[in-house]
């Protein structure tokens, strides 16, 4: 489906909002400068746990306290999960919310990015260990979208895990059908966790997967990402969306990225989690693979890439070339036809950009 283009009026309105936000951020920075900004000489390490326009909440690494900080203008975009260095304000007023200034951004281990309305890539979360790709029976399971998430995860060097949510809504026949469709991913080696936030089915398994990791939930709106987080962290009280009966698509509910901790959590008195972190980031209905070359797509299909070593030609397009390793593997039922078709669709979409 073609993407809806913004009218000039809509583009002007979006730019106006962005300019107003930037002006407010600059005013806050000027206020601090006018008050002869003074920083304590001690440098502290911390993690970004939430973002509020010009200010950010930092969890201090030593004390685990949350510190509201401003951001120096010469630092690039900061997102949830970023490891940073901050300094305390020594001349802060009693009624001032800002307590410190972020003075440095440490090197990111991994980063998840997506394009903004101008098409520029913007990071949305950093230092992620694993991506949990959440699907559900409603909206309908979309293997093409799952494959795009998997490619994005593999190219970002982030471990992907598939989660089929809302399994309590399935009949035996429906579950059998979904199991058959998901078997392709099991054969490749991707773990699949079956869950229900409503009935608590599979939540222990999900918790075990989260332990010791920084994770992010991705997937179509309406698949239950927020409901899963609420089941894990009831105190988070994240607004949950419903699936539209007219479009069979979910409504977006998350507007601000936030990092949550699952420390010393005893879930249903059956399993204890020592340390786990979740980043809840704004959901997208369609995950676009931007800023990549078509030659790189094959690396996101791990089982297909293994077969390229048997191709006769280095520039094989895996369509109808002689002695193609992928076509030979397809004939021998060693790879999935739907995955090969999905690969070609993604390559075509990259070519079309």
C-alpha atoms as a PDB file:
ATOM      1  CA  UNK A   1       0.000   0.000   0.000  1.00  0.00           C
ATOM      2  CA  UNK A   2       1.364   3.424  -0.963  1.00  0.00           C
ATOM      3  CA  UNK A   3       2.213   5.719   1.887  1.00  0.00           C
ATOM      4  CA  UNK A   4       0.002   8.770   2.318  1.00  0.00           C
ATOM      5  CA  UNK A   5       1.858  11.958   1.407  1.00  0.00           C
ATOM      6  CA  UNK A   6       1.606  15.018   3.607  1.00  0.00           C
ATOM      7  CA  UNK A   7       0.069  18.152   2.152  1.00  0.00           C
ATOM      8  CA  UNK A   8       2.004  21.425   2.237  1.00  0.00           C
ATOM      9  CA  UNK A   9      -0.300  22.624   4.997  1.00  0.00           C
ATOM     10  CA  UNK A  10       0.438  19.515   7.079  1.00  0.00           C
ATOM     11  CA  UNK A  11       4.183  19.822   6.466  1.00  0.00           C
ATOM     12  CA  UNK A  12       4.063  23.495   7.509  1.00  0.00           C
ATOM     13  CA  UNK A  13       2.126  22.600  10.659  1.00  0.00           C
ATOM     14  CA  UNK A  14       4.585  19.858  11.634  1.00  0.00           C
ATOM     15  CA  UNK A  15       7.554  22.159  11.053  1.00  0.00           C
ATOM     16  CA  UNK A  16       5.864  24.901  13.113  1.00  0.00           C
ATOM     17  CA  UNK A  17       5.420  22.508  16.041  1.00  0.00           C
ATOM     18  CA  UNK A  18       9.055  21.400  15.771  1.00  0.00           C
ATOM     19  CA  UNK A  19      10.231  25.033  15.714  1.00  0.00           C
ATOM     20  CA  UNK A  20       8.147  25.856  18.784  1.00  0.00           C
ATOM     21  CA  UNK A  21       9.606  22.893  20.684  1.00  0.00           C
ATOM     22  CA  UNK A  22      13.122  23.920  19.684  1.00  0.00           C
ATOM     23  CA  UNK A  23      12.451  27.492  20.813  1.00  0.00           C
ATOM     24  CA  UNK A  24      11.245  26.279  24.225  1.00  0.00           C
ATOM     25  CA  UNK A  25      14.353  24.105  24.571  1.00  0.00           C
ATOM     26  CA  UNK A  26      16.600  27.045  23.668  1.00  0.00           C
ATOM     27  CA  UNK A  27      14.812  29.303  26.161  1.00  0.00           C
ATOM     28  CA  UNK A  28      15.433  26.815  28.957  1.00  0.00           C
ATOM     29  CA  UNK A  29      19.101  26.598  28.023  1.00  0.00           C
ATOM     30  CA  UNK A  30      19.403  30.412  27.883  1.00  0.00           C
ATOM     31  CA  UNK A  31      17.788  30.632  31.331  1.00  0.00           C
ATOM     32  CA  UNK A  32      20.436  28.342  32.746  1.00  0.00           C
ATOM     33  CA  UNK A  33      23.193  30.301  30.991  1.00  0.00           C
ATOM     34  CA  UNK A  34      21.802  33.622  32.209  1.00  0.00           C
ATOM     35  CA  UNK A  35      21.986  32.351  35.767  1.00  0.00           C
ATOM     36  CA  UNK A  36      25.696  31.750  35.241  1.00  0.00           C
ATOM     37  CA  UNK A  37      25.527  27.981  34.991  1.00  0.00           C
ATOM     38  CA  UNK A  38      27.843  26.376  37.544  1.00  0.00           C
ATOM     39  CA  UNK A  39      28.557  22.657  37.550  1.00  0.00           C
ATOM     40  CA  UNK A  40      29.956  20.509  40.292  1.00  0.00           C
ATOM     41  CA  UNK A  41      33.363  19.163  39.277  1.00  0.00           C
ATOM     42  CA  UNK A  42      32.377  15.542  39.966  1.00  0.00           C
ATOM     43  CA  UNK A  43      31.320  13.539  36.910  1.00  0.00           C
ATOM     44  CA  UNK A  44      28.552  10.951  37.374  1.00  0.00           C
ATOM     45  CA  UNK A  45      27.522   8.069  35.125  1.00  0.00           C
ATOM     46  CA  UNK A  46      23.888   7.384  34.400  1.00  0.00           C
ATOM     47  CA  UNK A  47      21.267   5.901  32.097  1.00  0.00           C
ATOM     48  CA  UNK A  48      18.506   7.789  30.278  1.00  0.00           C
ATOM     49  CA  UNK A  49      15.162   6.451  31.501  1.00  0.00           C
ATOM     50  CA  UNK A  50      12.770   8.994  29.929  1.00  0.00           C
ATOM     51  CA  UNK A  51      12.734  12.040  27.684  1.00  0.00           C
ATOM     52  CA  UNK A  52      10.622  15.174  28.146  1.00  0.00           C
ATOM     53  CA  UNK A  53      11.415  17.552  25.303  1.00  0.00           C
ATOM     54  CA  UNK A  54      14.364  19.669  26.464  1.00  0.00           C
ATOM     55  CA  UNK A  55      14.875  17.729  29.692  1.00  0.00           C
ATOM     56  CA  UNK A  56      15.651  14.101  30.444  1.00  0.00           C
ATOM     57  CA  UNK A  57      15.383  11.800  33.440  1.00  0.00           C
ATOM     58  CA  UNK A  58      18.666  10.135  34.313  1.00  0.00           C
ATOM     59  CA  UNK A  59      19.107   7.160  36.629  1.00  0.00           C
ATOM     60  CA  UNK A  60      22.374   7.654  38.459  1.00  0.00           C
ATOM     61  CA  UNK A  61      24.514   4.522  38.181  1.00  0.00           C
ATOM     62  CA  UNK A  62      25.803   4.680  41.764  1.00  0.00           C
ATOM     63  CA  UNK A  63      22.692   5.720  43.716  1.00  0.00           C
ATOM     64  CA  UNK A  64      19.898   4.653  41.289  1.00  0.00           C
ATOM     65  CA  UNK A  65      18.211   7.988  41.992  1.00  0.00           C
ATOM     66  CA  UNK A  66      16.320   9.705  39.171  1.00  0.00           C
ATOM     67  CA  UNK A  67      17.817  13.093  38.300  1.00  0.00           C
ATOM     68  CA  UNK A  68      16.102  15.605  35.993  1.00  0.00           C
ATOM     69  CA  UNK A  69      18.791  16.963  33.654  1.00  0.00           C
ATOM     70  CA  UNK A  70      19.194  19.466  30.860  1.00  0.00           C
ATOM     71  CA  UNK A  71      21.222  18.639  27.767  1.00  0.00           C
ATOM     72  CA  UNK A  72      24.233  20.476  26.439  1.00  0.00           C
ATOM     73  CA  UNK A  73      23.601  21.766  22.925  1.00  0.00           C
ATOM     74  CA  UNK A  74      26.721  20.180  21.438  1.00  0.00           C
ATOM     75  CA  UNK A  75      25.531  16.622  22.212  1.00  0.00           C
ATOM     76  CA  UNK A  76      23.725  14.565  19.605  1.00  0.00           C
ATOM     77  CA  UNK A  77      20.224  13.161  20.069  1.00  0.00           C
ATOM     78  CA  UNK A  78      19.829  11.313  23.370  1.00  0.00           C
ATOM     79  CA  UNK A  79      17.352   8.429  23.729  1.00  0.00           C
ATOM     80  CA  UNK A  80      16.208   5.911  26.324  1.00  0.00           C
ATOM     81  CA  UNK A  81      18.892   3.414  27.186  1.00  0.00           C
ATOM     82  CA  UNK A  82      21.766   5.787  26.451  1.00  0.00           C
ATOM     83  CA  UNK A  83      24.691   5.691  28.887  1.00  0.00           C
ATOM     84  CA  UNK A  84      25.739   9.249  29.677  1.00  0.00           C
ATOM     85  CA  UNK A  85      27.907  11.410  31.939  1.00  0.00           C
ATOM     86  CA  UNK A  86      26.212  14.144  33.948  1.00  0.00           C
ATOM     87  CA  UNK A  87      27.225  16.836  36.440  1.00  0.00           C
ATOM     88  CA  UNK A  88      25.249  18.404  39.242  1.00  0.00           C
ATOM     89  CA  UNK A  89      24.209  22.048  39.153  1.00  0.00           C
ATOM     90  CA  UNK A  90      25.832  23.786  42.100  1.00  0.00           C
ATOM     91  CA  UNK A  91      23.777  27.003  41.912  1.00  0.00           C
ATOM     92  CA  UNK A  92      20.347  25.501  41.404  1.00  0.00           C
ATOM     93  CA  UNK A  93      17.328  27.247  42.941  1.00  0.00           C
ATOM     94  CA  UNK A  94      15.158  25.385  45.439  1.00  0.00           C
ATOM     95  CA  UNK A  95      12.147  25.477  43.096  1.00  0.00           C
ATOM     96  CA  UNK A  96      14.103  24.492  39.974  1.00  0.00           C
ATOM     97  CA  UNK A  97      13.289  21.001  38.656  1.00  0.00           C
ATOM     98  CA  UNK A  98      16.529  20.649  36.699  1.00  0.00           C
ATOM     99  CA  UNK A  99      19.235  19.277  38.962  1.00  0.00           C
ATOM    100  CA  UNK A 100      22.028  18.526  36.528  1.00  0.00           C
ATOM    101  CA  UNK A 101      23.392  18.760  32.995  1.00  0.00           C
ATOM    102  CA  UNK A 102      24.269  15.902  30.652  1.00  0.00           C
ATOM    103  CA  UNK A 103      27.821  16.621  29.523  1.00  0.00           C
ATOM    104  CA  UNK A 104      28.789  13.528  27.492  1.00  0.00           C
ATOM    105  CA  UNK A 105      27.282  10.588  25.611  1.00  0.00           C
ATOM    106  CA  UNK A 106      29.058   7.263  25.904  1.00  0.00           C
ATOM    107  CA  UNK A 107      29.526   4.951  22.903  1.00  0.00           C
ATOM    108  CA  UNK A 108      26.382   2.984  22.079  1.00  0.00           C
ATOM    109  CA  UNK A 109      26.513  -0.786  21.945  1.00  0.00           C
ATOM    110  CA  UNK A 110      23.432  -0.978  19.724  1.00  0.00           C
ATOM    111  CA  UNK A 111      20.829   1.504  18.500  1.00  0.00           C
ATOM    112  CA  UNK A 112      17.308   1.200  17.117  1.00  0.00           C
ATOM    113  CA  UNK A 113      16.398   4.001  14.708  1.00  0.00           C
ATOM    114  CA  UNK A 114      13.524   4.996  12.472  1.00  0.00           C
ATOM    115  CA  UNK A 115      12.921   7.882  10.046  1.00  0.00           C
ATOM    116  CA  UNK A 116      11.261  11.105  11.140  1.00  0.00           C
ATOM    117  CA  UNK A 117       8.725  12.976   8.993  1.00  0.00           C
ATOM    118  CA  UNK A 118      11.576  14.375   6.859  1.00  0.00           C
ATOM    119  CA  UNK A 119      13.005  10.920   6.173  1.00  0.00           C
ATOM    120  CA  UNK A 120      16.056  11.442   8.381  1.00  0.00           C
ATOM    121  CA  UNK A 121      17.051   8.526  10.585  1.00  0.00           C
ATOM    122  CA  UNK A 122      16.528   9.252  14.278  1.00  0.00           C
ATOM    123  CA  UNK A 123      17.470   6.898  17.139  1.00  0.00           C
ATOM    124  CA  UNK A 124      14.567   5.806  19.370  1.00  0.00           C
ATOM    125  CA  UNK A 125      16.353   3.496  21.824  1.00  0.00           C
ATOM    126  CA  UNK A 126      19.939   2.528  22.567  1.00  0.00           C
ATOM    127  CA  UNK A 127      22.015  -0.268  24.108  1.00  0.00           C
ATOM    128  CA  UNK A 128      19.321  -2.876  23.503  1.00  0.00           C
ATOM    129  CA  UNK A 129      20.159  -6.550  23.983  1.00  0.00           C
ATOM    130  CA  UNK A 130      17.063  -8.079  22.432  1.00  0.00           C
ATOM    131  CA  UNK A 131      13.994  -7.154  20.400  1.00  0.00           C
ATOM    132  CA  UNK A 132      10.763  -8.927  21.263  1.00  0.00           C
ATOM    133  CA  UNK A 133       8.653  -8.979  18.099  1.00  0.00           C
ATOM    134  CA  UNK A 134       5.067  -9.168  19.347  1.00  0.00           C
ATOM    135  CA  UNK A 135       2.374 -10.631  17.084  1.00  0.00           C
ATOM    136  CA  UNK A 136      -1.164 -11.761  17.743  1.00  0.00           C
ATOM    137  CA  UNK A 137      -4.125 -13.407  15.997  1.00  0.00           C
ATOM    138  CA  UNK A 138      -5.764  -9.962  15.753  1.00  0.00           C
ATOM    139  CA  UNK A 139      -4.439  -7.949  13.966  1.00  0.00           C
ATOM    140  CA  UNK A 140      -3.781 -10.842  11.577  1.00  0.00           C
ATOM    141  CA  UNK A 141      -0.300 -12.352  11.745  1.00  0.00           C
ATOM    142  CA  UNK A 142       1.800 -10.660   9.052  1.00  0.00           C
ATOM    143  CA  UNK A 143       4.893 -12.721   8.240  1.00  0.00           C
ATOM    144  CA  UNK A 144       6.177 -10.031   5.874  1.00  0.00           C
ATOM    145  CA  UNK A 145       6.225  -7.501   8.698  1.00  0.00           C
ATOM    146  CA  UNK A 146       7.820 -10.051  11.043  1.00  0.00           C
ATOM    147  CA  UNK A 147      10.558 -10.612   8.450  1.00  0.00           C
ATOM    148  CA  UNK A 148      11.221  -6.880   8.244  1.00  0.00           C
ATOM    149  CA  UNK A 149      11.631  -6.720  12.019  1.00  0.00           C
ATOM    150  CA  UNK A 150      13.963  -9.720  11.893  1.00  0.00           C
ATOM    151  CA  UNK A 151      16.097  -8.116   9.190  1.00  0.00           C
ATOM    152  CA  UNK A 152      16.264  -4.869  11.174  1.00  0.00           C
ATOM    153  CA  UNK A 153      17.284  -6.799  14.297  1.00  0.00           C
ATOM    154  CA  UNK A 154      19.936  -8.874  12.534  1.00  0.00           C
ATOM    155  CA  UNK A 155      21.461  -5.850  10.777  1.00  0.00           C
ATOM    156  CA  UNK A 156      21.471  -3.970  14.097  1.00  0.00           C
ATOM    157  CA  UNK A 157      23.130  -6.950  15.852  1.00  0.00           C
ATOM    158  CA  UNK A 158      20.219  -7.188  18.308  1.00  0.00           C
ATOM    159  CA  UNK A 159      18.913 -10.623  19.292  1.00  0.00           C
ATOM    160  CA  UNK A 160      15.296 -11.134  18.119  1.00  0.00           C
ATOM    161  CA  UNK A 161      12.624 -13.134  19.938  1.00  0.00           C
ATOM    162  CA  UNK A 162       9.110 -13.795  18.606  1.00  0.00           C
ATOM    163  CA  UNK A 163       6.137 -13.420  20.951  1.00  0.00           C
ATOM    164  CA  UNK A 164       2.662 -14.621  19.969  1.00  0.00           C
ATOM    165  CA  UNK A 165       0.295 -12.806  22.305  1.00  0.00           C
ATOM    166  CA  UNK A 166      -3.458 -13.245  22.969  1.00  0.00           C
ATOM    167  CA  UNK A 167      -3.237 -17.036  22.686  1.00  0.00           C
ATOM    168  CA  UNK A 168      -6.242 -17.277  25.023  1.00  0.00           C
ATOM    169  CA  UNK A 169      -8.427 -16.120  22.119  1.00  0.00           C
ATOM    170  CA  UNK A 170      -7.446 -19.044  19.877  1.00  0.00           C
ATOM    171  CA  UNK A 171      -9.428 -22.173  19.210  1.00  0.00           C
ATOM    172  CA  UNK A 172      -7.493 -25.430  18.863  1.00  0.00           C
ATOM    173  CA  UNK A 173      -7.831 -25.241  15.086  1.00  0.00           C
ATOM    174  CA  UNK A 174      -6.624 -21.635  14.952  1.00  0.00           C
ATOM    175  CA  UNK A 175      -3.646 -22.419  17.167  1.00  0.00           C
ATOM    176  CA  UNK A 176      -2.709 -25.370  14.959  1.00  0.00           C
ATOM    177  CA  UNK A 177      -2.831 -23.141  11.885  1.00  0.00           C
ATOM    178  CA  UNK A 178      -0.645 -20.470  13.511  1.00  0.00           C
ATOM    179  CA  UNK A 179       1.791 -23.109  14.758  1.00  0.00           C
ATOM    180  CA  UNK A 180       2.228 -24.313  11.191  1.00  0.00           C
ATOM    181  CA  UNK A 181       2.868 -20.773   9.933  1.00  0.00           C
ATOM    182  CA  UNK A 182       5.368 -20.078  12.715  1.00  0.00           C
ATOM    183  CA  UNK A 183       7.189 -23.384  12.278  1.00  0.00           C
ATOM    184  CA  UNK A 184       9.367 -21.737   9.623  1.00  0.00           C
ATOM    185  CA  UNK A 185      10.873 -19.456  12.281  1.00  0.00           C
ATOM    186  CA  UNK A 186      11.316 -22.359  14.717  1.00  0.00           C
ATOM    187  CA  UNK A 187      13.229 -24.271  12.031  1.00  0.00           C
ATOM    188  CA  UNK A 188      15.527 -21.268  11.505  1.00  0.00           C
ATOM    189  CA  UNK A 189      16.249 -21.151  15.235  1.00  0.00           C
ATOM    190  CA  UNK A 190      14.264 -18.146  16.451  1.00  0.00           C
ATOM    191  CA  UNK A 191      12.661 -18.645  19.878  1.00  0.00           C
ATOM    192  CA  UNK A 192       8.881 -18.199  20.085  1.00  0.00           C
ATOM    193  CA  UNK A 193       7.044 -17.435  23.318  1.00  0.00           C
ATOM    194  CA  UNK A 194       3.270 -17.899  23.562  1.00  0.00           C
ATOM    195  CA  UNK A 195       1.640 -15.419  25.915  1.00  0.00           C
ATOM    196  CA  UNK A 196      -1.611 -13.926  27.126  1.00  0.00           C
ATOM    197  CA  UNK A 197      -1.477 -10.793  29.218  1.00  0.00           C
ATOM    198  CA  UNK A 198      -5.109 -11.368  30.179  1.00  0.00           C
ATOM    199  CA  UNK A 199      -4.805 -14.952  31.416  1.00  0.00           C
ATOM    200  CA  UNK A 200      -1.103 -14.693  32.404  1.00  0.00           C
ATOM    201  CA  UNK A 201      -0.301 -17.617  30.108  1.00  0.00           C
ATOM    202  CA  UNK A 202       3.408 -17.812  29.324  1.00  0.00           C
ATOM    203  CA  UNK A 203       4.378 -14.849  31.501  1.00  0.00           C
ATOM    204  CA  UNK A 204       6.898 -16.905  33.483  1.00  0.00           C
ATOM    205  CA  UNK A 205       8.628 -17.921  30.246  1.00  0.00           C
ATOM    206  CA  UNK A 206       8.627 -14.311  29.101  1.00  0.00           C
ATOM    207  CA  UNK A 207      10.178 -13.179  32.384  1.00  0.00           C
ATOM    208  CA  UNK A 208      12.940 -15.764  32.062  1.00  0.00           C
ATOM    209  CA  UNK A 209      13.692 -14.448  28.586  1.00  0.00           C
ATOM    210  CA  UNK A 210      13.887 -10.873  29.896  1.00  0.00           C
ATOM    211  CA  UNK A 211      16.228 -11.576  32.820  1.00  0.00           C
ATOM    212  CA  UNK A 212      19.572  -9.813  32.605  1.00  0.00           C
ATOM    213  CA  UNK A 213      18.654  -8.102  29.335  1.00  0.00           C
ATOM    214  CA  UNK A 214      17.646  -4.663  28.072  1.00  0.00           C
ATOM    215  CA  UNK A 215      14.669  -5.399  25.844  1.00  0.00           C
ATOM    216  CA  UNK A 216      12.279  -3.510  23.616  1.00  0.00           C
ATOM    217  CA  UNK A 217       8.853  -4.623  22.404  1.00  0.00           C
ATOM    218  CA  UNK A 218       8.037  -3.950  18.749  1.00  0.00           C
ATOM    219  CA  UNK A 219       5.093  -4.911  16.572  1.00  0.00           C
ATOM    220  CA  UNK A 220       1.886  -3.655  15.023  1.00  0.00           C
ATOM    221  CA  UNK A 221      -0.397  -1.500  17.124  1.00  0.00           C
ATOM    222  CA  UNK A 222      -3.045  -3.603  18.820  1.00  0.00           C
ATOM    223  CA  UNK A 223      -0.970  -6.764  19.302  1.00  0.00           C
ATOM    224  CA  UNK A 224      -0.755  -6.123  23.046  1.00  0.00           C
ATOM    225  CA  UNK A 225       2.696  -4.643  23.691  1.00  0.00           C
ATOM    226  CA  UNK A 226       1.370  -2.271  26.356  1.00  0.00           C
ATOM    227  CA  UNK A 227      -0.827  -4.936  27.947  1.00  0.00           C
ATOM    228  CA  UNK A 228       2.191  -7.231  28.278  1.00  0.00           C
ATOM    229  CA  UNK A 229       4.195  -4.492  29.994  1.00  0.00           C
ATOM    230  CA  UNK A 230       1.257  -3.728  32.291  1.00  0.00           C
ATOM    231  CA  UNK A 231       1.064  -7.424  33.182  1.00  0.00           C
ATOM    232  CA  UNK A 232       4.767  -7.375  34.050  1.00  0.00           C
ATOM    233  CA  UNK A 233       4.699  -3.946  35.694  1.00  0.00           C
ATOM    234  CA  UNK A 234       1.185  -3.049  36.885  1.00  0.00           C
ATOM    235  CA  UNK A 235       2.505   0.162  38.428  1.00  0.00           C
ATOM    236  CA  UNK A 236       3.505   1.417  34.963  1.00  0.00           C
ATOM    237  CA  UNK A 237      -0.196   1.828  34.102  1.00  0.00           C
ATOM    238  CA  UNK A 238       0.481   2.216  30.376  1.00  0.00           C
ATOM    239  CA  UNK A 239      -2.531   3.125  28.270  1.00  0.00           C
ATOM    240  CA  UNK A 240      -3.655   0.192  26.147  1.00  0.00           C
ATOM    241  CA  UNK A 241      -5.107   0.458  22.652  1.00  0.00           C
ATOM    242  CA  UNK A 242      -7.889  -1.513  21.052  1.00  0.00           C
ATOM    243  CA  UNK A 243      -8.122  -3.011  17.593  1.00  0.00           C
ATOM    244  CA  UNK A 244     -10.462  -1.092  15.297  1.00  0.00           C
ATOM    245  CA  UNK A 245     -13.303  -3.225  13.960  1.00  0.00           C
ATOM    246  CA  UNK A 246     -13.322  -1.136  10.782  1.00  0.00           C
ATOM    247  CA  UNK A 247      -9.620  -1.412   9.906  1.00  0.00           C
ATOM    248  CA  UNK A 248      -8.591  -4.478  11.962  1.00  0.00           C
ATOM    249  CA  UNK A 249      -5.594  -2.393  13.051  1.00  0.00           C
ATOM    250  CA  UNK A 250      -4.580  -1.163  16.446  1.00  0.00           C
ATOM    251  CA  UNK A 251      -4.493   2.366  17.751  1.00  0.00           C
ATOM    252  CA  UNK A 252      -1.247   3.934  18.881  1.00  0.00           C
ATOM    253  CA  UNK A 253      -1.030   4.379  22.651  1.00  0.00           C
ATOM    254  CA  UNK A 254       2.625   5.086  23.497  1.00  0.00           C
ATOM    255  CA  UNK A 255       3.824   8.653  22.882  1.00  0.00           C
ATOM    256  CA  UNK A 256       6.936   8.896  25.082  1.00  0.00           C
ATOM    257  CA  UNK A 257       9.786   6.401  25.329  1.00  0.00           C
ATOM    258  CA  UNK A 258      10.504   5.178  28.830  1.00  0.00           C
ATOM    259  CA  UNK A 259      12.810   2.624  30.429  1.00  0.00           C
ATOM    260  CA  UNK A 260      11.342   0.399  33.141  1.00  0.00           C
ATOM    261  CA  UNK A 261      13.178  -1.903  35.535  1.00  0.00           C
ATOM    262  CA  UNK A 262      12.081  -5.353  36.643  1.00  0.00           C
ATOM    263  CA  UNK A 263      14.370  -5.735  39.645  1.00  0.00           C
ATOM    264  CA  UNK A 264      13.842  -8.331  42.364  1.00  0.00           C
ATOM    265  CA  UNK A 265      10.426  -9.053  40.890  1.00  0.00           C
ATOM    266  CA  UNK A 266       8.658 -12.111  42.292  1.00  0.00           C
ATOM    267  CA  UNK A 267       6.028 -12.935  39.691  1.00  0.00           C
ATOM    268  CA  UNK A 268       3.082 -14.920  41.032  1.00  0.00           C
ATOM    269  CA  UNK A 269       5.444 -16.340  43.685  1.00  0.00           C
ATOM    270  CA  UNK A 270       6.814 -18.760  41.097  1.00  0.00           C
ATOM    271  CA  UNK A 271       9.766 -17.030  39.506  1.00  0.00           C
ATOM    272  CA  UNK A 272      12.133 -14.332  40.743  1.00  0.00           C
ATOM    273  CA  UNK A 273      13.748 -11.855  38.356  1.00  0.00           C
ATOM    274  CA  UNK A 274      16.943 -10.283  39.617  1.00  0.00           C
ATOM    275  CA  UNK A 275      17.485  -7.681  36.900  1.00  0.00           C
ATOM    276  CA  UNK A 276      15.743  -6.853  33.638  1.00  0.00           C
ATOM    277  CA  UNK A 277      14.936  -3.647  31.785  1.00  0.00           C
ATOM    278  CA  UNK A 278      12.222  -2.791  29.273  1.00  0.00           C
ATOM    279  CA  UNK A 279      12.154   0.171  26.933  1.00  0.00           C
ATOM    280  CA  UNK A 280       8.624   1.077  25.861  1.00  0.00           C
ATOM    281  CA  UNK A 281       8.972   3.046  22.630  1.00  0.00           C
ATOM    282  CA  UNK A 282       6.302   4.525  20.342  1.00  0.00           C
ATOM    283  CA  UNK A 283       4.897   1.769  18.138  1.00  0.00           C
ATOM    284  CA  UNK A 284       4.710   1.798  14.364  1.00  0.00           C
ATOM    285  CA  UNK A 285       2.299  -0.081  12.127  1.00  0.00           C
ATOM    286  CA  UNK A 286       4.895  -0.504   9.409  1.00  0.00           C
ATOM    287  CA  UNK A 287       8.590  -0.902  10.015  1.00  0.00           C
ATOM    288  CA  UNK A 288      10.576   0.668   7.193  1.00  0.00           C
ATOM    289  CA  UNK A 289      14.065  -0.603   6.422  1.00  0.00           C
ATOM    290  CA  UNK A 290      15.765   2.695   5.700  1.00  0.00           C
ATOM    291  CA  UNK A 291      19.351   3.656   5.080  1.00  0.00           C
ATOM    292  CA  UNK A 292      20.458   0.195   3.975  1.00  0.00           C
ATOM    293  CA  UNK A 293      21.766  -1.165   0.684  1.00  0.00           C
ATOM    294  CA  UNK A 294      19.944  -3.960  -1.114  1.00  0.00           C
ATOM    295  CA  UNK A 295      23.119  -6.059  -0.920  1.00  0.00           C
ATOM    296  CA  UNK A 296      22.825  -6.039   2.874  1.00  0.00           C
ATOM    297  CA  UNK A 297      19.281  -7.435   3.039  1.00  0.00           C
ATOM    298  CA  UNK A 298      20.496 -11.014   2.608  1.00  0.00           C
ATOM    299  CA  UNK A 299      22.416 -10.757   5.908  1.00  0.00           C
ATOM    300  CA  UNK A 300      19.068 -10.266   7.666  1.00  0.00           C
ATOM    301  CA  UNK A 301      17.841 -13.652   6.386  1.00  0.00           C
ATOM    302  CA  UNK A 302      20.290 -15.838   8.253  1.00  0.00           C
ATOM    303  CA  UNK A 303      19.252 -19.156   6.694  1.00  0.00           C
ATOM    304  CA  UNK A 304      19.280 -17.703   3.160  1.00  0.00           C
ATOM    305  CA  UNK A 305      22.671 -16.101   3.619  1.00  0.00           C
ATOM    306  CA  UNK A 306      24.157 -19.489   4.490  1.00  0.00           C
ATOM    307  CA  UNK A 307      23.210 -20.751   1.024  1.00  0.00           C
ATOM    308  CA  UNK A 308      24.775 -17.885  -0.937  1.00  0.00           C
ATOM    309  CA  UNK A 309      28.189 -19.553  -0.664  1.00  0.00           C
ATOM    310  CA  UNK A 310      26.937 -22.127  -3.169  1.00  0.00           C
ATOM    311  CA  UNK A 311      25.929 -19.556  -5.804  1.00  0.00           C
ATOM    312  CA  UNK A 312      28.032 -19.670  -8.980  1.00  0.00           C
ATOM    313  CA  UNK A 313      27.975 -15.879  -9.415  1.00  0.00           C
ATOM    314  CA  UNK A 314      28.946 -13.400  -6.727  1.00  0.00           C
ATOM    315  CA  UNK A 315      26.287 -10.945  -7.925  1.00  0.00           C
ATOM    316  CA  UNK A 316      23.570 -13.601  -8.076  1.00  0.00           C
ATOM    317  CA  UNK A 317      20.109 -12.090  -7.607  1.00  0.00           C
ATOM    318  CA  UNK A 318      18.588 -15.470  -6.684  1.00  0.00           C
ATOM    319  CA  UNK A 319      15.838 -15.217  -9.302  1.00  0.00           C
ATOM    320  CA  UNK A 320      16.594 -17.504 -12.240  1.00  0.00           C
ATOM    321  CA  UNK A 321      20.383 -17.572 -12.452  1.00  0.00           C
ATOM    322  CA  UNK A 322      22.055 -20.956 -13.110  1.00  0.00           C
ATOM    323  CA  UNK A 323      23.609 -22.740 -10.136  1.00  0.00           C
ATOM    324  CA  UNK A 324      21.974 -20.459  -7.564  1.00  0.00           C
ATOM    325  CA  UNK A 325      22.506 -21.782  -4.063  1.00  0.00           C
ATOM    326  CA  UNK A 326      19.168 -20.406  -2.801  1.00  0.00           C
ATOM    327  CA  UNK A 327      17.114 -21.868  -5.671  1.00  0.00           C
ATOM    328  CA  UNK A 328      18.840 -25.233  -5.179  1.00  0.00           C
ATOM    329  CA  UNK A 329      18.078 -25.105  -1.441  1.00  0.00           C
ATOM    330  CA  UNK A 330      14.451 -24.240  -2.241  1.00  0.00           C
ATOM    331  CA  UNK A 331      14.155 -27.254  -4.553  1.00  0.00           C
ATOM    332  CA  UNK A 332      15.571 -29.431  -1.758  1.00  0.00           C
ATOM    333  CA  UNK A 333      13.079 -27.958   0.794  1.00  0.00           C
ATOM    334  CA  UNK A 334      15.956 -26.623   2.916  1.00  0.00           C
ATOM    335  CA  UNK A 335      14.612 -23.069   2.890  1.00  0.00           C
ATOM    336  CA  UNK A 336      11.094 -21.635   2.952  1.00  0.00           C
ATOM    337  CA  UNK A 337       9.498 -20.301  -0.221  1.00  0.00           C
ATOM    338  CA  UNK A 338       7.714 -17.601   1.749  1.00  0.00           C
ATOM    339  CA  UNK A 339      11.013 -16.420   3.252  1.00  0.00           C
ATOM    340  CA  UNK A 340      12.662 -16.267  -0.182  1.00  0.00           C
ATOM    341  CA  UNK A 341       9.663 -14.330  -1.539  1.00  0.00           C
ATOM    342  CA  UNK A 342       9.847 -12.033   1.481  1.00  0.00           C
ATOM    343  CA  UNK A 343      13.540 -11.417   0.797  1.00  0.00           C
ATOM    344  CA  UNK A 344      12.790 -10.380  -2.790  1.00  0.00           C
ATOM    345  CA  UNK A 345       9.961  -8.055  -1.683  1.00  0.00           C
ATOM    346  CA  UNK A 346      12.245  -6.293   0.784  1.00  0.00           C
ATOM    347  CA  UNK A 347      15.018  -5.952  -1.820  1.00  0.00           C
ATOM    348  CA  UNK A 348      12.478  -4.490  -4.272  1.00  0.00           C
ATOM    349  CA  UNK A 349      11.294  -2.021  -1.634  1.00  0.00           C
ATOM    350  CA  UNK A 350      14.889  -0.934  -0.993  1.00  0.00           C
ATOM    351  CA  UNK A 351      15.446  -0.502  -4.756  1.00  0.00           C
ATOM    352  CA  UNK A 352      12.290   1.625  -4.984  1.00  0.00           C
ATOM    353  CA  UNK A 353      13.486   4.195  -2.426  1.00  0.00           C
END
